[in-house]
Amino acid sequence: GYLAAFVKYGVDDLTGRLVRREAGALAMLADLSFVQVPRLIATGEHRGHPFVIQSPVATTWTTHTDPAVVTMAQVEVAAVGRASIDFRQALEATAQRWRHRAAESDASADALSKVTAAFDDVAQRWVVAMGDTSVPWGSWHGDWRRTNMAVTADGCSVWDWERFESGVPAGYDALHLFLTKTRLGMWIRATASNPELARLRGIPVKRVSQAVWFVASALAG
């Protein structure tokens, strides 16, 4: 026998939204050449539940992390819907996305209020620093990590496209992969989530914070 297809089936509101989003993403990405994307075979509803049927992609790799291949793949995805827009437009679009995500979040109102205030403060600092700089704008996979990609002889296979979005600053996928693959990236996530727990686990919280502020300052000019 052989693997003919994968089926994803929405069983509740959340998984239903993800299945519909993946169906839309696969249809939009069908013409990519370097990135190997599952082919959309069929999509629809069964007893009120959305489903998507997609072809398998090659998962035999020489290495998960060939930098040149992964970079080329991320550049091709970022070029979908690409544009160059004013930094303030980019900031407003990012803020709208944040408000949308916050509305769907299960976090407490107090926690969301604190994060929103911090976001607004950083946003205003960036507006001042960036001035009239244009921002490369495009798309991202939304969850690009080692467990849903494979470097093959034909390029880079990538699956699980349910979080694909257009209208984001170029480079989001590279940042996401850095935060989920590298030691420093995982330290940054742990420190941001719970500094005290990160310190107990032996993570150099102060050095990590200094590194983040150094990079942020360099990017801001």
C-alpha atoms as a PDB file:
ATOM      1  CA  GLY A   1       0.000   0.000   0.000  1.00  0.00           C
ATOM      2  CA  TYR A   2       0.923   3.663  -0.152  1.00  0.00           C
ATOM      3  CA  LEU A   3      -0.151   6.907   1.465  1.00  0.00           C
ATOM      4  CA  ALA A   4      -2.679   8.517  -0.878  1.00  0.00           C
ATOM      5  CA  ALA A   5      -3.915  11.512   1.099  1.00  0.00           C
ATOM      6  CA  PHE A   6      -4.397  13.206   4.456  1.00  0.00           C
ATOM      7  CA  VAL A   7      -7.809  14.287   5.732  1.00  0.00           C
ATOM      8  CA  LYS A   8      -8.387  17.034   8.290  1.00  0.00           C
ATOM      9  CA  TYR A   9     -11.826  17.317   9.876  1.00  0.00           C
ATOM     10  CA  GLY A  10     -13.173  20.135  12.023  1.00  0.00           C
ATOM     11  CA  VAL A  11     -14.902  18.870  15.156  1.00  0.00           C
ATOM     12  CA  ASP A  12     -15.534  22.226  16.901  1.00  0.00           C
ATOM     13  CA  ASP A  13     -15.382  25.975  16.192  1.00  0.00           C
ATOM     14  CA  LEU A  14     -11.600  26.195  16.549  1.00  0.00           C
ATOM     15  CA  THR A  15     -10.683  23.184  14.420  1.00  0.00           C
ATOM     16  CA  GLY A  16     -13.387  24.171  11.936  1.00  0.00           C
ATOM     17  CA  ARG A  17     -11.769  27.589  11.435  1.00  0.00           C
ATOM     18  CA  LEU A  18      -8.343  26.003  11.064  1.00  0.00           C
ATOM     19  CA  VAL A  19      -9.560  23.497   8.468  1.00  0.00           C
ATOM     20  CA  ARG A  20     -11.214  26.243   6.405  1.00  0.00           C
ATOM     21  CA  ARG A  21      -8.107  28.399   6.623  1.00  0.00           C
ATOM     22  CA  GLU A  22      -5.878  25.553   5.484  1.00  0.00           C
ATOM     23  CA  ALA A  23      -8.122  24.844   2.500  1.00  0.00           C
ATOM     24  CA  GLY A  24      -7.892  28.503   1.481  1.00  0.00           C
ATOM     25  CA  ALA A  25      -4.131  28.573   1.973  1.00  0.00           C
ATOM     26  CA  LEU A  26      -3.519  25.458  -0.133  1.00  0.00           C
ATOM     27  CA  ALA A  27      -5.583  26.911  -2.955  1.00  0.00           C
ATOM     28  CA  MET A  28      -3.612  30.169  -2.828  1.00  0.00           C
ATOM     29  CA  LEU A  29      -0.199  28.469  -2.680  1.00  0.00           C
ATOM     30  CA  ALA A  30      -0.740  25.908  -5.437  1.00  0.00           C
ATOM     31  CA  ASP A  31       1.620  27.667  -7.863  1.00  0.00           C
ATOM     32  CA  LEU A  32       4.691  27.843  -5.637  1.00  0.00           C
ATOM     33  CA  SER A  33       7.702  26.241  -7.308  1.00  0.00           C
ATOM     34  CA  PHE A  34      10.447  25.803  -4.714  1.00  0.00           C
ATOM     35  CA  VAL A  35       8.230  25.185  -1.687  1.00  0.00           C
ATOM     36  CA  GLN A  36       6.514  21.809  -1.926  1.00  0.00           C
ATOM     37  CA  VAL A  37       2.961  22.338  -0.658  1.00  0.00           C
ATOM     38  CA  PRO A  38       0.295  19.624  -0.295  1.00  0.00           C
ATOM     39  CA  ARG A  39      -2.087  19.601  -3.266  1.00  0.00           C
ATOM     40  CA  LEU A  40      -5.678  20.437  -2.393  1.00  0.00           C
ATOM     41  CA  ILE A  41      -7.713  17.387  -3.478  1.00  0.00           C
ATOM     42  CA  ALA A  42     -11.108  18.298  -2.048  1.00  0.00           C
ATOM     43  CA  THR A  43     -12.751  20.481   0.554  1.00  0.00           C
ATOM     44  CA  GLY A  44     -16.304  20.800   1.798  1.00  0.00           C
ATOM     45  CA  GLU A  45     -18.547  19.877   4.724  1.00  0.00           C
ATOM     46  CA  HIS A  46     -19.804  16.608   6.128  1.00  0.00           C
ATOM     47  CA  ARG A  47     -22.767  16.825   8.493  1.00  0.00           C
ATOM     48  CA  GLY A  48     -21.952  20.446   9.179  1.00  0.00           C
ATOM     49  CA  HIS A  49     -18.257  19.840   9.819  1.00  0.00           C
ATOM     50  CA  PRO A  50     -15.647  21.228   7.400  1.00  0.00           C
ATOM     51  CA  PHE A  51     -13.005  18.923   5.963  1.00  0.00           C
ATOM     52  CA  VAL A  52     -10.003  19.181   3.685  1.00  0.00           C
ATOM     53  CA  ILE A  53      -8.355  16.350   1.750  1.00  0.00           C
ATOM     54  CA  GLN A  54      -4.771  16.972   0.676  1.00  0.00           C
ATOM     55  CA  SER A  55      -1.950  15.047  -0.919  1.00  0.00           C
ATOM     56  CA  PRO A  56       1.121  14.005   1.086  1.00  0.00           C
ATOM     57  CA  VAL A  57       4.429  15.753   0.428  1.00  0.00           C
ATOM     58  CA  ALA A  58       7.950  14.353   0.411  1.00  0.00           C
ATOM     59  CA  THR A  59       9.397  14.010   3.910  1.00  0.00           C
ATOM     60  CA  THR A  60      12.736  12.351   3.141  1.00  0.00           C
ATOM     61  CA  TRP A  61      15.465  14.835   3.968  1.00  0.00           C
ATOM     62  CA  THR A  62      19.204  15.123   4.150  1.00  0.00           C
ATOM     63  CA  THR A  63      18.957  17.717   6.902  1.00  0.00           C
ATOM     64  CA  HIS A  64      16.145  19.698   8.495  1.00  0.00           C
ATOM     65  CA  THR A  65      18.124  22.886   8.719  1.00  0.00           C
ATOM     66  CA  ASP A  66      20.012  23.522   5.470  1.00  0.00           C
ATOM     67  CA  PRO A  67      20.089  27.339   5.845  1.00  0.00           C
ATOM     68  CA  ALA A  68      20.177  28.141   2.118  1.00  0.00           C
ATOM     69  CA  VAL A  69      17.224  25.891   1.245  1.00  0.00           C
ATOM     70  CA  VAL A  70      15.098  27.021   4.186  1.00  0.00           C
ATOM     71  CA  THR A  71      15.838  30.685   3.452  1.00  0.00           C
ATOM     72  CA  MET A  72      14.860  30.298  -0.213  1.00  0.00           C
ATOM     73  CA  ALA A  73      11.621  28.596   0.829  1.00  0.00           C
ATOM     74  CA  GLN A  74      10.732  31.322   3.325  1.00  0.00           C
ATOM     75  CA  VAL A  75      11.497  34.049   0.791  1.00  0.00           C
ATOM     76  CA  GLU A  76       9.132  32.425  -1.725  1.00  0.00           C
ATOM     77  CA  VAL A  77       6.327  32.241   0.831  1.00  0.00           C
ATOM     78  CA  ALA A  78       6.952  35.829   1.964  1.00  0.00           C
ATOM     79  CA  ALA A  79       6.653  36.985  -1.672  1.00  0.00           C
ATOM     80  CA  VAL A  80       2.994  35.903  -1.834  1.00  0.00           C
ATOM     81  CA  GLY A  81       1.012  39.137  -1.827  1.00  0.00           C
ATOM     82  CA  ARG A  82       4.190  41.169  -1.423  1.00  0.00           C
ATOM     83  CA  ALA A  83       4.151  44.945  -1.252  1.00  0.00           C
ATOM     84  CA  SER A  84       6.089  47.805   0.287  1.00  0.00           C
ATOM     85  CA  ILE A  85       4.070  50.023   2.586  1.00  0.00           C
ATOM     86  CA  ASP A  86       4.584  52.927   4.940  1.00  0.00           C
ATOM     87  CA  PHE A  87       5.732  51.917   8.415  1.00  0.00           C
ATOM     88  CA  ARG A  88       2.692  53.513  10.047  1.00  0.00           C
ATOM     89  CA  GLN A  89       0.402  51.445   7.814  1.00  0.00           C
ATOM     90  CA  ALA A  90       2.321  48.340   8.818  1.00  0.00           C
ATOM     91  CA  LEU A  91       1.994  49.257  12.464  1.00  0.00           C
ATOM     92  CA  GLU A  92      -1.747  49.820  12.195  1.00  0.00           C
ATOM     93  CA  ALA A  93      -2.231  46.511  10.374  1.00  0.00           C
ATOM     94  CA  THR A  94      -0.224  44.742  13.068  1.00  0.00           C
ATOM     95  CA  ALA A  95      -2.278  46.450  15.770  1.00  0.00           C
ATOM     96  CA  GLN A  96      -5.512  45.336  14.113  1.00  0.00           C
ATOM     97  CA  ARG A  97      -4.234  41.754  14.022  1.00  0.00           C
ATOM     98  CA  TRP A  98      -3.307  41.987  17.700  1.00  0.00           C
ATOM     99  CA  ARG A  99      -6.775  43.272  18.628  1.00  0.00           C
ATOM    100  CA  HIS A 100      -8.365  40.434  16.660  1.00  0.00           C
ATOM    101  CA  ARG A 101      -6.197  37.809  18.373  1.00  0.00           C
ATOM    102  CA  ALA A 102      -6.811  39.385  21.780  1.00  0.00           C
ATOM    103  CA  ALA A 103     -10.575  39.199  21.242  1.00  0.00           C
ATOM    104  CA  GLU A 104     -10.274  35.440  20.657  1.00  0.00           C
ATOM    105  CA  SER A 105      -7.877  34.882  23.564  1.00  0.00           C
ATOM    106  CA  ASP A 106      -8.761  33.092  26.789  1.00  0.00           C
ATOM    107  CA  ALA A 107      -6.403  35.307  28.793  1.00  0.00           C
ATOM    108  CA  SER A 108      -7.791  37.510  31.545  1.00  0.00           C
ATOM    109  CA  ALA A 109      -8.789  41.096  30.811  1.00  0.00           C
ATOM    110  CA  ASP A 110      -6.066  42.353  33.163  1.00  0.00           C
ATOM    111  CA  ALA A 111      -3.352  40.354  31.407  1.00  0.00           C
ATOM    112  CA  LEU A 112      -4.524  41.509  27.983  1.00  0.00           C
ATOM    113  CA  SER A 113      -4.629  45.113  29.194  1.00  0.00           C
ATOM    114  CA  LYS A 114      -1.006  44.952  30.354  1.00  0.00           C
ATOM    115  CA  VAL A 115       0.195  43.379  27.123  1.00  0.00           C
ATOM    116  CA  THR A 116      -1.765  45.892  25.048  1.00  0.00           C
ATOM    117  CA  ALA A 117      -0.246  48.796  26.966  1.00  0.00           C
ATOM    118  CA  ALA A 118       3.247  47.372  26.433  1.00  0.00           C
ATOM    119  CA  PHE A 119       2.518  46.866  22.730  1.00  0.00           C
ATOM    120  CA  ASP A 120       1.301  50.463  22.361  1.00  0.00           C
ATOM    121  CA  ASP A 121       4.441  51.780  24.074  1.00  0.00           C
ATOM    122  CA  VAL A 122       6.779  49.786  21.840  1.00  0.00           C
ATOM    123  CA  ALA A 123       4.744  50.740  18.759  1.00  0.00           C
ATOM    124  CA  GLN A 124       5.083  54.453  19.450  1.00  0.00           C
ATOM    125  CA  ARG A 125       8.836  54.103  19.984  1.00  0.00           C
ATOM    126  CA  TRP A 126       9.129  52.363  16.626  1.00  0.00           C
ATOM    127  CA  VAL A 127       7.102  55.062  14.854  1.00  0.00           C
ATOM    128  CA  VAL A 128       9.537  57.686  16.099  1.00  0.00           C
ATOM    129  CA  ALA A 129      12.602  55.584  15.220  1.00  0.00           C
ATOM    130  CA  MET A 130      11.489  54.418  11.773  1.00  0.00           C
ATOM    131  CA  GLY A 131      10.122  57.670  10.371  1.00  0.00           C
ATOM    132  CA  ASP A 132       9.149  57.212   6.699  1.00  0.00           C
ATOM    133  CA  THR A 133      10.818  53.840   6.262  1.00  0.00           C
ATOM    134  CA  SER A 134       8.949  51.437   3.997  1.00  0.00           C
ATOM    135  CA  VAL A 135       8.312  47.907   5.260  1.00  0.00           C
ATOM    136  CA  PRO A 136       8.504  44.802   3.026  1.00  0.00           C
ATOM    137  CA  TRP A 137       5.056  43.216   3.315  1.00  0.00           C
ATOM    138  CA  GLY A 138       3.984  39.725   2.378  1.00  0.00           C
ATOM    139  CA  SER A 139       2.861  36.377   3.818  1.00  0.00           C
ATOM    140  CA  TRP A 140       3.966  33.774   6.333  1.00  0.00           C
ATOM    141  CA  HIS A 141       3.271  30.129   7.110  1.00  0.00           C
ATOM    142  CA  GLY A 142       2.309  31.006  10.677  1.00  0.00           C
ATOM    143  CA  ASP A 143       3.940  28.071  12.453  1.00  0.00           C
ATOM    144  CA  TRP A 144       7.133  27.261  10.524  1.00  0.00           C
ATOM    145  CA  ARG A 145       9.131  24.894  12.696  1.00  0.00           C
ATOM    146  CA  ARG A 146      11.283  21.768  12.397  1.00  0.00           C
ATOM    147  CA  THR A 147       8.338  19.417  12.855  1.00  0.00           C
ATOM    148  CA  ASN A 148       6.381  20.560   9.788  1.00  0.00           C
ATOM    149  CA  MET A 149       9.113  20.948   7.184  1.00  0.00           C
ATOM    150  CA  ALA A 150      11.621  18.745   5.374  1.00  0.00           C
ATOM    151  CA  VAL A 151      14.502  19.620   3.072  1.00  0.00           C
ATOM    152  CA  THR A 152      14.373  17.302   0.058  1.00  0.00           C
ATOM    153  CA  ALA A 153      16.106  16.889  -3.286  1.00  0.00           C
ATOM    154  CA  ASP A 154      13.324  18.968  -4.893  1.00  0.00           C
ATOM    155  CA  GLY A 155      13.357  21.850  -2.445  1.00  0.00           C
ATOM    156  CA  CYS A 156      11.592  22.283   0.862  1.00  0.00           C
ATOM    157  CA  SER A 157       8.407  20.440   1.804  1.00  0.00           C
ATOM    158  CA  VAL A 158       6.184  22.344   4.229  1.00  0.00           C
ATOM    159  CA  TRP A 159       2.829  21.213   5.626  1.00  0.00           C
ATOM    160  CA  ASP A 160       0.209  22.298   8.199  1.00  0.00           C
ATOM    161  CA  TRP A 161      -0.818  25.598   6.552  1.00  0.00           C
ATOM    162  CA  GLU A 162      -3.820  26.321   8.785  1.00  0.00           C
ATOM    163  CA  ARG A 163      -2.186  29.454  10.240  1.00  0.00           C
ATOM    164  CA  PHE A 164      -1.074  30.939   6.921  1.00  0.00           C
ATOM    165  CA  GLU A 165      -1.685  34.687   6.634  1.00  0.00           C
ATOM    166  CA  SER A 166      -0.999  37.489   4.191  1.00  0.00           C
ATOM    167  CA  GLY A 167      -0.394  41.066   5.227  1.00  0.00           C
ATOM    168  CA  VAL A 168       2.532  40.642   7.627  1.00  0.00           C
ATOM    169  CA  PRO A 169       6.061  42.095   7.670  1.00  0.00           C
ATOM    170  CA  ALA A 170       8.535  39.964   5.722  1.00  0.00           C
ATOM    171  CA  GLY A 171      10.671  37.803   7.983  1.00  0.00           C
ATOM    172  CA  TYR A 172       8.022  36.514  10.397  1.00  0.00           C
ATOM    173  CA  ASP A 173       8.690  32.879   9.456  1.00  0.00           C
ATOM    174  CA  ALA A 174      12.438  33.286   9.979  1.00  0.00           C
ATOM    175  CA  LEU A 175      11.836  34.826  13.404  1.00  0.00           C
ATOM    176  CA  HIS A 176       9.398  32.064  14.361  1.00  0.00           C
ATOM    177  CA  LEU A 177      11.847  29.340  13.320  1.00  0.00           C
ATOM    178  CA  PHE A 178      14.613  31.059  15.295  1.00  0.00           C
ATOM    179  CA  LEU A 179      12.439  31.214  18.421  1.00  0.00           C
ATOM    180  CA  THR A 180      11.431  27.534  18.185  1.00  0.00           C
ATOM    181  CA  LYS A 181      14.686  25.950  16.943  1.00  0.00           C
ATOM    182  CA  THR A 182      17.672  27.696  18.499  1.00  0.00           C
ATOM    183  CA  ARG A 183      18.751  27.596  22.122  1.00  0.00           C
ATOM    184  CA  LEU A 184      18.685  31.396  22.408  1.00  0.00           C
ATOM    185  CA  GLY A 185      15.234  31.493  20.827  1.00  0.00           C
ATOM    186  CA  MET A 186      13.852  28.979  23.306  1.00  0.00           C
ATOM    187  CA  TRP A 187      15.510  30.888  26.151  1.00  0.00           C
ATOM    188  CA  ILE A 188      13.809  34.090  24.952  1.00  0.00           C
ATOM    189  CA  ARG A 189      10.407  32.411  24.916  1.00  0.00           C
ATOM    190  CA  ALA A 190      10.920  30.906  28.367  1.00  0.00           C
ATOM    191  CA  THR A 191      12.110  34.241  29.798  1.00  0.00           C
ATOM    192  CA  ALA A 192       9.164  36.126  28.299  1.00  0.00           C
ATOM    193  CA  SER A 193       6.686  33.542  29.607  1.00  0.00           C
ATOM    194  CA  ASN A 194       7.968  33.217  33.184  1.00  0.00           C
ATOM    195  CA  PRO A 195      11.294  34.830  34.168  1.00  0.00           C
ATOM    196  CA  GLU A 196      11.407  33.243  37.621  1.00  0.00           C
ATOM    197  CA  LEU A 197      10.798  29.742  36.305  1.00  0.00           C
ATOM    198  CA  ALA A 198      13.348  30.338  33.537  1.00  0.00           C
ATOM    199  CA  ARG A 199      15.923  31.379  36.167  1.00  0.00           C
ATOM    200  CA  LEU A 200      15.232  28.241  38.187  1.00  0.00           C
ATOM    201  CA  ARG A 201      15.814  26.162  35.051  1.00  0.00           C
ATOM    202  CA  GLY A 202      19.292  27.669  34.713  1.00  0.00           C
ATOM    203  CA  ILE A 203      18.537  30.128  31.920  1.00  0.00           C
ATOM    204  CA  PRO A 204      20.647  33.330  32.161  1.00  0.00           C
ATOM    205  CA  VAL A 205      17.627  35.616  32.233  1.00  0.00           C
ATOM    206  CA  LYS A 206      19.596  38.874  32.528  1.00  0.00           C
ATOM    207  CA  ARG A 207      21.845  38.046  29.577  1.00  0.00           C
ATOM    208  CA  VAL A 208      18.857  36.971  27.495  1.00  0.00           C
ATOM    209  CA  SER A 209      17.048  40.247  28.227  1.00  0.00           C
ATOM    210  CA  GLN A 210      20.156  42.228  27.340  1.00  0.00           C
ATOM    211  CA  ALA A 211      20.493  40.348  24.055  1.00  0.00           C
ATOM    212  CA  VAL A 212      16.868  41.054  23.125  1.00  0.00           C
ATOM    213  CA  TRP A 213      17.177  44.757  23.860  1.00  0.00           C
ATOM    214  CA  PHE A 214      20.474  44.934  21.930  1.00  0.00           C
ATOM    215  CA  VAL A 215      18.900  43.351  18.825  1.00  0.00           C
ATOM    216  CA  ALA A 216      15.766  45.493  19.121  1.00  0.00           C
ATOM    217  CA  SER A 217      17.862  48.655  19.397  1.00  0.00           C
ATOM    218  CA  ALA A 218      19.942  47.666  16.381  1.00  0.00           C
ATOM    219  CA  LEU A 219      16.814  47.009  14.280  1.00  0.00           C
ATOM    220  CA  ALA A 220      15.324  50.326  15.337  1.00  0.00           C
ATOM    221  CA  GLY A 221      18.467  52.124  14.214  1.00  0.00           C
END
